[in-house]
mmCIF file of all heavy atoms, coordinates in Angstrom:
data_MODEL
# 
_entry.id   MODEL 
# 
loop_
_atom_site.group_PDB 
_atom_site.id 
_atom_site.type_symbol 
_atom_site.label_atom_id 
_atom_site.label_alt_id 
_atom_site.label_comp_id 
_atom_site.label_asym_id 
_atom_site.label_entity_id 
_atom_site.label_seq_id 
_atom_site.pdbx_PDB_ins_code 
_atom_site.Cartn_x 
_atom_site.Cartn_y 
_atom_site.Cartn_z 
_atom_site.occupancy 
_atom_site.B_iso_or_equiv 
_atom_site.pdbx_formal_charge 
_atom_site.auth_seq_id 
_atom_site.auth_comp_id 
_atom_site.auth_asym_id 
_atom_site.auth_atom_id 
_atom_site.pdbx_PDB_model_num 
ATOM 1   N N   . GLU A 1 1  ? -46.952 21.845 44.803 1.00 0.00 ? 1  GLU A N   1 
ATOM 2   C CA  . GLU A 1 1  ? -45.832 21.896 45.792 1.00 0.00 ? 1  GLU A CA  1 
ATOM 3   C C   . GLU A 1 1  ? -44.694 22.730 45.200 1.00 0.00 ? 1  GLU A C   1 
ATOM 4   O O   . GLU A 1 1  ? -44.482 22.719 43.963 1.00 0.00 ? 1  GLU A O   1 
ATOM 5   C CB  . GLU A 1 1  ? -45.341 20.520 46.192 1.00 0.00 ? 1  GLU A CB  1 
ATOM 6   C CG  . GLU A 1 1  ? -46.343 19.620 46.921 1.00 0.00 ? 1  GLU A CG  1 
ATOM 7   C CD  . GLU A 1 1  ? -46.560 20.073 48.311 1.00 0.00 ? 1  GLU A CD  1 
ATOM 8   O OE1 . GLU A 1 1  ? -45.672 20.792 48.868 1.00 0.00 ? 1  GLU A OE1 1 
ATOM 9   O OE2 . GLU A 1 1  ? -47.590 19.736 48.934 1.00 0.00 ? 1  GLU A OE2 1 
ATOM 10  N N   . PRO A 1 2  ? -43.987 23.434 46.040 1.00 0.00 ? 2  PRO A N   1 
ATOM 11  C CA  . PRO A 1 2  ? -42.800 24.180 45.547 1.00 0.00 ? 2  PRO A CA  1 
ATOM 12  C C   . PRO A 1 2  ? -41.807 23.264 44.826 1.00 0.00 ? 2  PRO A C   1 
ATOM 13  O O   . PRO A 1 2  ? -41.711 22.091 45.167 1.00 0.00 ? 2  PRO A O   1 
ATOM 14  C CB  . PRO A 1 2  ? -42.225 24.772 46.837 1.00 0.00 ? 2  PRO A CB  1 
ATOM 15  C CG  . PRO A 1 2  ? -43.378 24.896 47.754 1.00 0.00 ? 2  PRO A CG  1 
ATOM 16  C CD  . PRO A 1 2  ? -44.234 23.674 47.460 1.00 0.00 ? 2  PRO A CD  1 
ATOM 17  N N   . TRP A 1 3  ? -41.029 23.835 43.938 1.00 0.00 ? 3  TRP A N   1 
ATOM 18  C CA  . TRP A 1 3  ? -40.040 23.040 43.157 1.00 0.00 ? 3  TRP A CA  1 
ATOM 19  C C   . TRP A 1 3  ? -38.856 23.909 42.892 1.00 0.00 ? 3  TRP A C   1 
ATOM 20  O O   . TRP A 1 3  ? -38.972 25.085 42.452 1.00 0.00 ? 3  TRP A O   1 
ATOM 21  C CB  . TRP A 1 3  ? -40.659 22.570 41.854 1.00 0.00 ? 3  TRP A CB  1 
ATOM 22  C CG  . TRP A 1 3  ? -39.722 21.774 41.034 1.00 0.00 ? 3  TRP A CG  1 
ATOM 23  C CD1 . TRP A 1 3  ? -39.025 22.188 39.923 1.00 0.00 ? 3  TRP A CD1 1 
ATOM 24  C CD2 . TRP A 1 3  ? -39.277 20.409 41.247 1.00 0.00 ? 3  TRP A CD2 1 
ATOM 25  N NE1 . TRP A 1 3  ? -38.222 21.213 39.402 1.00 0.00 ? 3  TRP A NE1 1 
ATOM 26  C CE2 . TRP A 1 3  ? -38.365 20.106 40.237 1.00 0.00 ? 3  TRP A CE2 1 
ATOM 27  C CE3 . TRP A 1 3  ? -39.626 19.507 42.229 1.00 0.00 ? 3  TRP A CE3 1 
ATOM 28  C CZ2 . TRP A 1 3  ? -37.749 18.838 40.162 1.00 0.00 ? 3  TRP A CZ2 1 
ATOM 29  C CZ3 . TRP A 1 3  ? -39.004 18.239 42.164 1.00 0.00 ? 3  TRP A CZ3 1 
ATOM 30  C CH2 . TRP A 1 3  ? -38.077 17.907 41.118 1.00 0.00 ? 3  TRP A CH2 1 
ATOM 31  N N   . VAL A 1 4  ? -37.640 23.341 43.113 1.00 0.00 ? 4  VAL A N   1 
ATOM 32  C CA  . VAL A 1 4  ? -36.414 24.010 42.820 1.00 0.00 ? 4  VAL A CA  1 
ATOM 33  C C   . VAL A 1 4  ? -35.881 23.524 41.429 1.00 0.00 ? 4  VAL A C   1 
ATOM 34  O O   . VAL A 1 4  ? -35.695 22.316 41.253 1.00 0.00 ? 4  VAL A O   1 
ATOM 35  C CB  . VAL A 1 4  ? -35.340 23.739 43.894 1.00 0.00 ? 4  VAL A CB  1 
ATOM 36  C CG1 . VAL A 1 4  ? -33.986 24.294 43.463 1.00 0.00 ? 4  VAL A CG1 1 
ATOM 37  C CG2 . VAL A 1 4  ? -35.799 24.253 45.210 1.00 0.00 ? 4  VAL A CG2 1 
ATOM 38  N N   . VAL A 1 5  ? -35.712 24.405 40.505 1.00 0.00 ? 5  VAL A N   1 
ATOM 39  C CA  . VAL A 1 5  ? -35.134 24.116 39.218 1.00 0.00 ? 5  VAL A CA  1 
ATOM 40  C C   . VAL A 1 5  ? -33.634 24.248 39.344 1.00 0.00 ? 5  VAL A C   1 
ATOM 41  O O   . VAL A 1 5  ? -33.145 25.368 39.557 1.00 0.00 ? 5  VAL A O   1 
ATOM 42  C CB  . VAL A 1 5  ? -35.654 25.033 38.073 1.00 0.00 ? 5  VAL A CB  1 
ATOM 43  C CG1 . VAL A 1 5  ? -35.058 24.666 36.742 1.00 0.00 ? 5  VAL A CG1 1 
ATOM 44  C CG2 . VAL A 1 5  ? -37.185 25.022 38.024 1.00 0.00 ? 5  VAL A CG2 1 
ATOM 45  N N   . PRO A 1 6  ? -32.853 23.224 39.183 1.00 0.00 ? 6  PRO A N   1 
ATOM 46  C CA  . PRO A 1 6  ? -31.397 23.292 39.454 1.00 0.00 ? 6  PRO A CA  1 
ATOM 47  C C   . PRO A 1 6  ? -30.654 24.131 38.386 1.00 0.00 ? 6  PRO A C   1 
ATOM 48  O O   . PRO A 1 6  ? -29.648 24.780 38.726 1.00 0.00 ? 6  PRO A O   1 
ATOM 49  C CB  . PRO A 1 6  ? -30.937 21.836 39.384 1.00 0.00 ? 6  PRO A CB  1 
ATOM 50  C CG  . PRO A 1 6  ? -32.171 21.017 39.668 1.00 0.00 ? 6  PRO A CG  1 
ATOM 51  C CD  . PRO A 1 6  ? -33.273 21.775 39.044 1.00 0.00 ? 6  PRO A CD  1 
ATOM 52  N N   . GLU A 1 7  ? -31.090 24.073 37.136 1.00 0.00 ? 7  GLU A N   1 
ATOM 53  C CA  . GLU A 1 7  ? -30.374 24.765 36.079 1.00 0.00 ? 7  GLU A CA  1 
ATOM 54  C C   . GLU A 1 7  ? -31.291 25.546 35.165 1.00 0.00 ? 7  GLU A C   1 
ATOM 55  O O   . GLU A 1 7  ? -32.406 25.029 34.827 1.00 0.00 ? 7  GLU A O   1 
ATOM 56  C CB  . GLU A 1 7  ? -29.579 23.793 35.156 1.00 0.00 ? 7  GLU A CB  1 
ATOM 57  C CG  . GLU A 1 7  ? -28.239 23.414 35.772 1.00 0.00 ? 7  GLU A CG  1 
ATOM 58  C CD  . GLU A 1 7  ? -27.395 22.585 34.763 1.00 0.00 ? 7  GLU A CD  1 
ATOM 59  O OE1 . GLU A 1 7  ? -27.826 22.389 33.609 1.00 0.00 ? 7  GLU A OE1 1 
ATOM 60  O OE2 . GLU A 1 7  ? -26.323 22.191 35.143 1.00 0.00 ? 7  GLU A OE2 1 
ATOM 61  N N   . VAL A 1 8  ? -30.848 26.697 34.728 1.00 0.00 ? 8  VAL A N   1 
ATOM 62  C CA  . VAL A 1 8  ? -31.570 27.496 33.705 1.00 0.00 ? 8  VAL A CA  1 
ATOM 63  C C   . VAL A 1 8  ? -30.624 27.627 32.504 1.00 0.00 ? 8  VAL A C   1 
ATOM 64  O O   . VAL A 1 8  ? -29.417 27.931 32.629 1.00 0.00 ? 8  VAL A O   1 
ATOM 65  C CB  . VAL A 1 8  ? -31.968 28.856 34.190 1.00 0.00 ? 8  VAL A CB  1 
ATOM 66  C CG1 . VAL A 1 8  ? -32.558 29.706 33.092 1.00 0.00 ? 8  VAL A CG1 1 
ATOM 67  C CG2 . VAL A 1 8  ? -32.935 28.762 35.378 1.00 0.00 ? 8  VAL A CG2 1 
ATOM 68  N N   . TRP A 1 9  ? -31.186 27.334 31.294 1.00 0.00 ? 9  TRP A N   1 
ATOM 69  C CA  . TRP A 1 9  ? -30.416 27.494 30.041 1.00 0.00 ? 9  TRP A CA  1 
ATOM 70  C C   . TRP A 1 9  ? -31.014 28.686 29.328 1.00 0.00 ? 9  TRP A C   1 
ATOM 71  O O   . TRP A 1 9  ? -32.215 28.691 28.998 1.00 0.00 ? 9  TRP A O   1 
ATOM 72  C CB  . TRP A 1 9  ? -30.531 26.252 29.171 1.00 0.00 ? 9  TRP A CB  1 
ATOM 73  C CG  . TRP A 1 9  ? -29.792 25.030 29.704 1.00 0.00 ? 9  TRP A CG  1 
ATOM 74  C CD1 . TRP A 1 9  ? -29.613 24.640 30.972 1.00 0.00 ? 9  TRP A CD1 1 
ATOM 75  C CD2 . TRP A 1 9  ? -29.131 24.073 28.908 1.00 0.00 ? 9  TRP A CD2 1 
ATOM 76  N NE1 . TRP A 1 9  ? -28.871 23.545 31.054 1.00 0.00 ? 9  TRP A NE1 1 
ATOM 77  C CE2 . TRP A 1 9  ? -28.587 23.125 29.790 1.00 0.00 ? 9  TRP A CE2 1 
ATOM 78  C CE3 . TRP A 1 9  ? -28.981 23.889 27.518 1.00 0.00 ? 9  TRP A CE3 1 
ATOM 79  C CZ2 . TRP A 1 9  ? -27.853 22.007 29.350 1.00 0.00 ? 9  TRP A CZ2 1 
ATOM 80  C CZ3 . TRP A 1 9  ? -28.260 22.789 27.046 1.00 0.00 ? 9  TRP A CZ3 1 
ATOM 81  C CH2 . TRP A 1 9  ? -27.681 21.870 27.984 1.00 0.00 ? 9  TRP A CH2 1 
ATOM 82  N N   . LEU A 1 10 ? -30.196 29.715 29.083 1.00 0.00 ? 10 LEU A N   1 
ATOM 83  C CA  . LEU A 1 10 ? -30.615 30.921 28.365 1.00 0.00 ? 10 LEU A CA  1 
ATOM 84  C C   . LEU A 1 10 ? -30.202 30.925 26.918 1.00 0.00 ? 10 LEU A C   1 
ATOM 85  O O   . LEU A 1 10 ? -29.054 30.710 26.637 1.00 0.00 ? 10 LEU A O   1 
ATOM 86  C CB  . LEU A 1 10 ? -30.035 32.172 29.083 1.00 0.00 ? 10 LEU A CB  1 
ATOM 87  C CG  . LEU A 1 10 ? -30.390 32.351 30.579 1.00 0.00 ? 10 LEU A CG  1 
ATOM 88  C CD1 . LEU A 1 10 ? -29.634 33.490 31.170 1.00 0.00 ? 10 LEU A CD1 1 
ATOM 89  C CD2 . LEU A 1 10 ? -31.894 32.527 30.756 1.00 0.00 ? 10 LEU A CD2 1 
ATOM 90  N N   . SER A 1 11 ? -31.148 31.162 26.065 1.00 0.00 ? 11 SER A N   1 
ATOM 91  C CA  . SER A 1 11 ? -30.901 31.150 24.611 1.00 0.00 ? 11 SER A CA  1 
ATOM 92  C C   . SER A 1 11 ? -30.907 32.588 24.079 1.00 0.00 ? 11 SER A C   1 
ATOM 93  O O   . SER A 1 11 ? -31.707 33.399 24.520 1.00 0.00 ? 11 SER A O   1 
ATOM 94  C CB  . SER A 1 11 ? -32.012 30.335 23.908 1.00 0.00 ? 11 SER A CB  1 
ATOM 95  O OG  . SER A 1 11 ? -31.859 30.407 22.512 1.00 0.00 ? 11 SER A OG  1 
ATOM 96  N N   . GLY A 1 12 ? -30.006 32.878 23.156 1.00 0.00 ? 12 GLY A N   1 
ATOM 97  C CA  . GLY A 1 12 ? -30.017 34.153 22.497 1.00 0.00 ? 12 GLY A CA  1 
ATOM 98  C C   . GLY A 1 12 ? -29.256 35.273 23.177 1.00 0.00 ? 12 GLY A C   1 
ATOM 99  O O   . GLY A 1 12 ? -29.292 36.433 22.757 1.00 0.00 ? 12 GLY A O   1 
ATOM 100 N N   . GLY A 1 13 ? -28.592 34.938 24.285 1.00 0.00 ? 13 GLY A N   1 
ATOM 101 C CA  . GLY A 1 13 ? -27.859 35.973 25.034 1.00 0.00 ? 13 GLY A CA  1 
ATOM 102 C C   . GLY A 1 13 ? -26.493 36.240 24.554 1.00 0.00 ? 13 GLY A C   1 
ATOM 103 O O   . GLY A 1 13 ? -25.963 35.540 23.638 1.00 0.00 ? 13 GLY A O   1 
ATOM 104 N N   . PRO A 1 14 ? -25.817 37.250 25.105 1.00 0.00 ? 14 PRO A N   1 
ATOM 105 C CA  . PRO A 1 14 ? -24.525 37.700 24.610 1.00 0.00 ? 14 PRO A CA  1 
ATOM 106 C C   . PRO A 1 14 ? -23.341 36.906 25.120 1.00 0.00 ? 14 PRO A C   1 
ATOM 107 O O   . PRO A 1 14 ? -22.227 37.032 24.578 1.00 0.00 ? 14 PRO A O   1 
ATOM 108 C CB  . PRO A 1 14 ? -24.424 39.136 25.107 1.00 0.00 ? 14 PRO A CB  1 
ATOM 109 C CG  . PRO A 1 14 ? -25.222 39.146 26.347 1.00 0.00 ? 14 PRO A CG  1 
ATOM 110 C CD  . PRO A 1 14 ? -26.359 38.173 26.114 1.00 0.00 ? 14 PRO A CD  1 
ATOM 111 N N   . ILE A 1 15 ? -23.500 36.043 26.145 1.00 0.00 ? 15 ILE A N   1 
ATOM 112 C CA  . ILE A 1 15 ? -22.331 35.360 26.763 1.00 0.00 ? 15 ILE A CA  1 
ATOM 113 C C   . ILE A 1 15 ? -22.622 33.876 26.927 1.00 0.00 ? 15 ILE A C   1 
ATOM 114 O O   . ILE A 1 15 ? -22.734 33.368 28.069 1.00 0.00 ? 15 ILE A O   1 
ATOM 115 C CB  . ILE A 1 15 ? -21.931 36.001 28.064 1.00 0.00 ? 15 ILE A CB  1 
ATOM 116 C CG1 . ILE A 1 15 ? -23.183 36.258 28.981 1.00 0.00 ? 15 ILE A CG1 1 
ATOM 117 C CG2 . ILE A 1 15 ? -21.201 37.302 27.837 1.00 0.00 ? 15 ILE A CG2 1 
ATOM 118 C CD1 . ILE A 1 15 ? -22.825 36.774 30.371 1.00 0.00 ? 15 ILE A CD1 1 
ATOM 119 N N   . PRO A 1 16 ? -22.655 33.100 25.851 1.00 0.00 ? 16 PRO A N   1 
ATOM 120 C CA  . PRO A 1 16 ? -22.874 31.655 25.969 1.00 0.00 ? 16 PRO A CA  1 
ATOM 121 C C   . PRO A 1 16 ? -21.697 30.994 26.660 1.00 0.00 ? 16 PRO A C   1 
ATOM 122 O O   . PRO A 1 16 ? -20.539 31.396 26.474 1.00 0.00 ? 16 PRO A O   1 
ATOM 123 C CB  . PRO A 1 16 ? -23.045 31.175 24.535 1.00 0.00 ? 16 PRO A CB  1 
ATOM 124 C CG  . PRO A 1 16 ? -22.323 32.237 23.682 1.00 0.00 ? 16 PRO A CG  1 
ATOM 125 C CD  . PRO A 1 16 ? -22.520 33.496 24.424 1.00 0.00 ? 16 PRO A CD  1 
ATOM 126 N N   . ASN A 1 17 ? -22.002 29.957 27.406 1.00 0.00 ? 17 ASN A N   1 
ATOM 127 C CA  . ASN A 1 17 ? -20.932 29.122 28.052 1.00 0.00 ? 17 ASN A CA  1 
ATOM 128 C C   . ASN A 1 17 ? -21.196 27.630 27.835 1.00 0.00 ? 17 ASN A C   1 
ATOM 129 O O   . ASN A 1 17 ? -20.469 26.829 28.410 1.00 0.00 ? 17 ASN A O   1 
ATOM 130 C CB  . ASN A 1 17 ? -20.822 29.458 29.544 1.00 0.00 ? 17 ASN A CB  1 
ATOM 131 C CG  . ASN A 1 17 ? -22.106 29.229 30.305 1.00 0.00 ? 17 ASN A CG  1 
ATOM 132 O OD1 . ASN A 1 17 ? -23.088 28.591 29.826 1.00 0.00 ? 17 ASN A OD1 1 
ATOM 133 N ND2 . ASN A 1 17 ? -22.190 29.695 31.552 1.00 0.00 ? 17 ASN A ND2 1 
ATOM 134 N N   . ARG A 1 18 ? -22.176 27.257 27.033 1.00 0.00 ? 18 ARG A N   1 
ATOM 135 C CA  . ARG A 1 18 ? -22.459 25.882 26.739 1.00 0.00 ? 18 ARG A CA  1 
ATOM 136 C C   . ARG A 1 18 ? -22.840 25.768 25.257 1.00 0.00 ? 18 ARG A C   1 
ATOM 137 O O   . ARG A 1 18 ? -23.698 26.572 24.832 1.00 0.00 ? 18 ARG A O   1 
ATOM 138 C CB  . ARG A 1 18 ? -23.599 25.320 27.622 1.00 0.00 ? 18 ARG A CB  1 
ATOM 139 C CG  . ARG A 1 18 ? -23.955 23.830 27.366 1.00 0.00 ? 18 ARG A CG  1 
ATOM 140 C CD  . ARG A 1 18 ? -22.987 22.892 28.028 1.00 0.00 ? 18 ARG A CD  1 
ATOM 141 N NE  . ARG A 1 18 ? -22.794 23.152 29.467 1.00 0.00 ? 18 ARG A NE  1 
ATOM 142 C CZ  . ARG A 1 18 ? -23.610 22.637 30.400 1.00 0.00 ? 18 ARG A CZ  1 
ATOM 143 N NH1 . ARG A 1 18 ? -24.598 21.816 30.083 1.00 0.00 ? 18 ARG A NH1 1 
ATOM 144 N NH2 . ARG A 1 18 ? -23.384 22.920 31.685 1.00 0.00 ? 18 ARG A NH2 1 
ATOM 145 N N   . PHE A 1 19 ? -22.235 24.871 24.525 1.00 0.00 ? 19 PHE A N   1 
ATOM 146 C CA  . PHE A 1 19 ? -22.560 24.671 23.121 1.00 0.00 ? 19 PHE A CA  1 
ATOM 147 C C   . PHE A 1 19 ? -22.942 23.209 22.875 1.00 0.00 ? 19 PHE A C   1 
ATOM 148 O O   . PHE A 1 19 ? -22.157 22.322 23.206 1.00 0.00 ? 19 PHE A O   1 
ATOM 149 C CB  . PHE A 1 19 ? -21.339 25.021 22.267 1.00 0.00 ? 19 PHE A CB  1 
ATOM 150 C CG  . PHE A 1 19 ? -20.880 26.447 22.348 1.00 0.00 ? 19 PHE A CG  1 
ATOM 151 C CD1 . PHE A 1 19 ? -20.041 26.896 23.378 1.00 0.00 ? 19 PHE A CD1 1 
ATOM 152 C CD2 . PHE A 1 19 ? -21.328 27.414 21.458 1.00 0.00 ? 19 PHE A CD2 1 
ATOM 153 C CE1 . PHE A 1 19 ? -19.650 28.174 23.539 1.00 0.00 ? 19 PHE A CE1 1 
ATOM 154 C CE2 . PHE A 1 19 ? -20.909 28.745 21.553 1.00 0.00 ? 19 PHE A CE2 1 
ATOM 155 C CZ  . PHE A 1 19 ? -20.095 29.111 22.585 1.00 0.00 ? 19 PHE A CZ  1 
ATOM 156 N N   . VAL A 1 20 ? -24.136 23.016 22.394 1.00 0.00 ? 20 VAL A N   1 
ATOM 157 C CA  . VAL A 1 20 ? -24.652 21.672 22.173 1.00 0.00 ? 20 VAL A CA  1 
ATOM 158 C C   . VAL A 1 20 ? -24.507 21.292 20.719 1.00 0.00 ? 20 VAL A C   1 
ATOM 159 O O   . VAL A 1 20 ? -25.026 21.980 19.843 1.00 0.00 ? 20 VAL A O   1 
ATOM 160 C CB  . VAL A 1 20 ? -26.154 21.584 22.592 1.00 0.00 ? 20 VAL A CB  1 
ATOM 161 C CG1 . VAL A 1 20 ? -26.704 20.205 22.315 1.00 0.00 ? 20 VAL A CG1 1 
ATOM 162 C CG2 . VAL A 1 20 ? -26.291 21.939 24.059 1.00 0.00 ? 20 VAL A CG2 1 
ATOM 163 N N   . ASP A 1 21 ? -23.780 20.224 20.462 1.00 0.00 ? 21 ASP A N   1 
ATOM 164 C CA  . ASP A 1 21 ? -23.583 19.735 19.091 1.00 0.00 ? 21 ASP A CA  1 
ATOM 165 C C   . ASP A 1 21 ? -24.896 19.211 18.561 1.00 0.00 ? 21 ASP A C   1 
ATOM 166 O O   . ASP A 1 21 ? -25.440 18.199 19.102 1.00 0.00 ? 21 ASP A O   1 
ATOM 167 C CB  . ASP A 1 21 ? -22.536 18.678 19.054 1.00 0.00 ? 21 ASP A CB  1 
ATOM 168 C CG  . ASP A 1 21 ? -22.103 18.254 17.642 1.00 0.00 ? 21 ASP A CG  1 
ATOM 169 O OD1 . ASP A 1 21 ? -22.947 18.348 16.728 1.00 0.00 ? 21 ASP A OD1 1 
ATOM 170 O OD2 . ASP A 1 21 ? -20.972 17.827 17.463 1.00 0.00 ? 21 ASP A OD2 1 
ATOM 171 N N   . VAL A 1 22 ? -25.486 19.877 17.574 1.00 0.00 ? 22 VAL A N   1 
ATOM 172 C CA  . VAL A 1 22 ? -26.793 19.457 17.048 1.00 0.00 ? 22 VAL A CA  1 
ATOM 173 C C   . VAL A 1 22 ? -26.713 18.992 15.565 1.00 0.00 ? 22 VAL A C   1 
ATOM 174 O O   . VAL A 1 22 ? -27.696 18.952 14.838 1.00 0.00 ? 22 VAL A O   1 
ATOM 175 C CB  . VAL A 1 22 ? -27.817 20.625 17.120 1.00 0.00 ? 22 VAL A CB  1 
ATOM 176 C CG1 . VAL A 1 22 ? -28.052 20.994 18.578 1.00 0.00 ? 22 VAL A CG1 1 
ATOM 177 C CG2 . VAL A 1 22 ? -27.338 21.830 16.329 1.00 0.00 ? 22 VAL A CG2 1 
ATOM 178 N N   . THR A 1 23 ? -25.512 18.631 15.179 1.00 0.00 ? 23 THR A N   1 
ATOM 179 C CA  . THR A 1 23 ? -25.282 18.235 13.777 1.00 0.00 ? 23 THR A CA  1 
ATOM 180 C C   . THR A 1 23 ? -26.226 17.132 13.366 1.00 0.00 ? 23 THR A C   1 
ATOM 181 O O   . THR A 1 23 ? -26.882 17.229 12.286 1.00 0.00 ? 23 THR A O   1 
ATOM 182 C CB  . THR A 1 23 ? -23.833 17.763 13.527 1.00 0.00 ? 23 THR A CB  1 
ATOM 183 O OG1 . THR A 1 23 ? -22.940 18.736 14.119 1.00 0.00 ? 23 THR A OG1 1 
ATOM 184 C CG2 . THR A 1 23 ? -23.543 17.650 12.098 1.00 0.00 ? 23 THR A CG2 1 
ATOM 185 N N   . GLU A 1 24 ? -26.357 16.079 14.194 1.00 0.00 ? 24 GLU A N   1 
ATOM 186 C CA  . GLU A 1 24 ? -27.209 14.954 13.811 1.00 0.00 ? 24 GLU A CA  1 
ATOM 187 C C   . GLU A 1 24 ? -28.701 15.308 13.904 1.00 0.00 ? 24 GLU A C   1 
ATOM 188 O O   . GLU A 1 24 ? -29.529 14.599 13.330 1.00 0.00 ? 24 GLU A O   1 
ATOM 189 C CB  . GLU A 1 24 ? -26.927 13.759 14.733 1.00 0.00 ? 24 GLU A CB  1 
ATOM 190 C CG  . GLU A 1 24 ? -25.716 12.898 14.307 1.00 0.00 ? 24 GLU A CG  1 
ATOM 191 C CD  . GLU A 1 24 ? -24.413 13.676 14.499 1.00 0.00 ? 24 GLU A CD  1 
ATOM 192 O OE1 . GLU A 1 24 ? -24.296 14.395 15.491 1.00 0.00 ? 24 GLU A OE1 1 
ATOM 193 O OE2 . GLU A 1 24 ? -23.507 13.484 13.647 1.00 0.00 ? 24 GLU A OE2 1 
ATOM 194 N N   . ASN A 1 25 ? -28.999 16.405 14.610 1.00 0.00 ? 25 ASN A N   1 
ATOM 195 C CA  . ASN A 1 25 ? -30.410 16.799 14.728 1.00 0.00 ? 25 ASN A CA  1 
ATOM 196 C C   . ASN A 1 25 ? -30.777 18.029 13.909 1.00 0.00 ? 25 ASN A C   1 
ATOM 197 O O   . ASN A 1 25 ? -31.851 18.594 14.086 1.00 0.00 ? 25 ASN A O   1 
ATOM 198 C CB  . ASN A 1 25 ? -30.721 17.052 16.219 1.00 0.00 ? 25 ASN A CB  1 
ATOM 199 C CG  . ASN A 1 25 ? -30.677 15.820 17.007 1.00 0.00 ? 25 ASN A CG  1 
ATOM 200 O OD1 . ASN A 1 25 ? -31.228 14.773 16.662 1.00 0.00 ? 25 ASN A OD1 1 
ATOM 201 N ND2 . ASN A 1 25 ? -29.976 15.856 18.133 1.00 0.00 ? 25 ASN A ND2 1 
ATOM 202 N N   . PHE A 1 26 ? -29.874 18.415 13.019 1.00 0.00 ? 26 PHE A N   1 
ATOM 203 C CA  . PHE A 1 26 ? -30.115 19.636 12.229 1.00 0.00 ? 26 PHE A CA  1 
ATOM 204 C C   . PHE A 1 26 ? -31.349 19.460 11.293 1.00 0.00 ? 26 PHE A C   1 
ATOM 205 O O   . PHE A 1 26 ? -32.144 20.401 11.110 1.00 0.00 ? 26 PHE A O   1 
ATOM 206 C CB  . PHE A 1 26 ? -28.887 20.025 11.423 1.00 0.00 ? 26 PHE A CB  1 
ATOM 207 C CG  . PHE A 1 26 ? -29.015 21.238 10.607 1.00 0.00 ? 26 PHE A CG  1 
ATOM 208 C CD1 . PHE A 1 26 ? -29.068 22.511 11.208 1.00 0.00 ? 26 PHE A CD1 1 
ATOM 209 C CD2 . PHE A 1 26 ? -29.222 21.214 9.229  1.00 0.00 ? 26 PHE A CD2 1 
ATOM 210 C CE1 . PHE A 1 26 ? -29.237 23.657 10.454 1.00 0.00 ? 26 PHE A CE1 1 
ATOM 211 C CE2 . PHE A 1 26 ? -29.399 22.352 8.470  1.00 0.00 ? 26 PHE A CE2 1 
ATOM 212 C CZ  . PHE A 1 26 ? -29.413 23.616 9.106  1.00 0.00 ? 26 PHE A CZ  1 
ATOM 213 N N   . ASP A 1 27 ? -31.467 18.300 10.704 1.00 0.00 ? 27 ASP A N   1 
ATOM 214 C CA  . ASP A 1 27 ? -32.555 18.047 9.810  1.00 0.00 ? 27 ASP A CA  1 
ATOM 215 C C   . ASP A 1 27 ? -33.904 18.161 10.564 1.00 0.00 ? 27 ASP A C   1 
ATOM 216 O O   . ASP A 1 27 ? -34.889 18.752 10.049 1.00 0.00 ? 27 ASP A O   1 
ATOM 217 C CB  . ASP A 1 27 ? -32.456 16.692 9.144  1.00 0.00 ? 27 ASP A CB  1 
ATOM 218 C CG  . ASP A 1 27 ? -31.371 16.645 8.083  1.00 0.00 ? 27 ASP A CG  1 
ATOM 219 O OD1 . ASP A 1 27 ? -30.848 17.713 7.662  1.00 0.00 ? 27 ASP A OD1 1 
ATOM 220 O OD2 . ASP A 1 27 ? -30.968 15.565 7.661  1.00 0.00 ? 27 ASP A OD2 1 
ATOM 221 N N   . ALA A 1 28 ? -33.956 17.628 11.780 1.00 0.00 ? 28 ALA A N   1 
ATOM 222 C CA  . ALA A 1 28 ? -35.192 17.781 12.575 1.00 0.00 ? 28 ALA A CA  1 
ATOM 223 C C   . ALA A 1 28 ? -35.447 19.216 12.925 1.00 0.00 ? 28 ALA A C   1 
ATOM 224 O O   . ALA A 1 28 ? -36.590 19.661 12.884 1.00 0.00 ? 28 ALA A O   1 
ATOM 225 C CB  . ALA A 1 28 ? -35.038 16.947 13.848 1.00 0.00 ? 28 ALA A CB  1 
ATOM 226 N N   . LYS A 1 29 ? -34.412 19.966 13.193 1.00 0.00 ? 29 LYS A N   1 
ATOM 227 C CA  . LYS A 1 29 ? -34.547 21.405 13.478 1.00 0.00 ? 29 LYS A CA  1 
ATOM 228 C C   . LYS A 1 29 ? -35.158 22.130 12.273 1.00 0.00 ? 29 LYS A C   1 
ATOM 229 O O   . LYS A 1 29 ? -36.067 22.950 12.389 1.00 0.00 ? 29 LYS A O   1 
ATOM 230 C CB  . LYS A 1 29 ? -33.218 22.010 13.839 1.00 0.00 ? 29 LYS A CB  1 
ATOM 231 C CG  . LYS A 1 29 ? -33.236 23.532 14.134 1.00 0.00 ? 29 LYS A CG  1 
ATOM 232 C CD  . LYS A 1 29 ? -31.824 23.997 14.415 1.00 0.00 ? 29 LYS A CD  1 
ATOM 233 C CE  . LYS A 1 29 ? -31.795 25.563 14.654 1.00 0.00 ? 29 LYS A CE  1 
ATOM 234 N NZ  . LYS A 1 29 ? -32.350 25.900 15.982 1.00 0.00 ? 29 LYS A NZ  1 
# 
């Protein structure tokens, strides 16, 4: 069935507008 994705998150682009604090997950990264 068709599906609408409400949000797209783009990584690596020139104009970020959202920053996710990953300090606690840095070791997992």
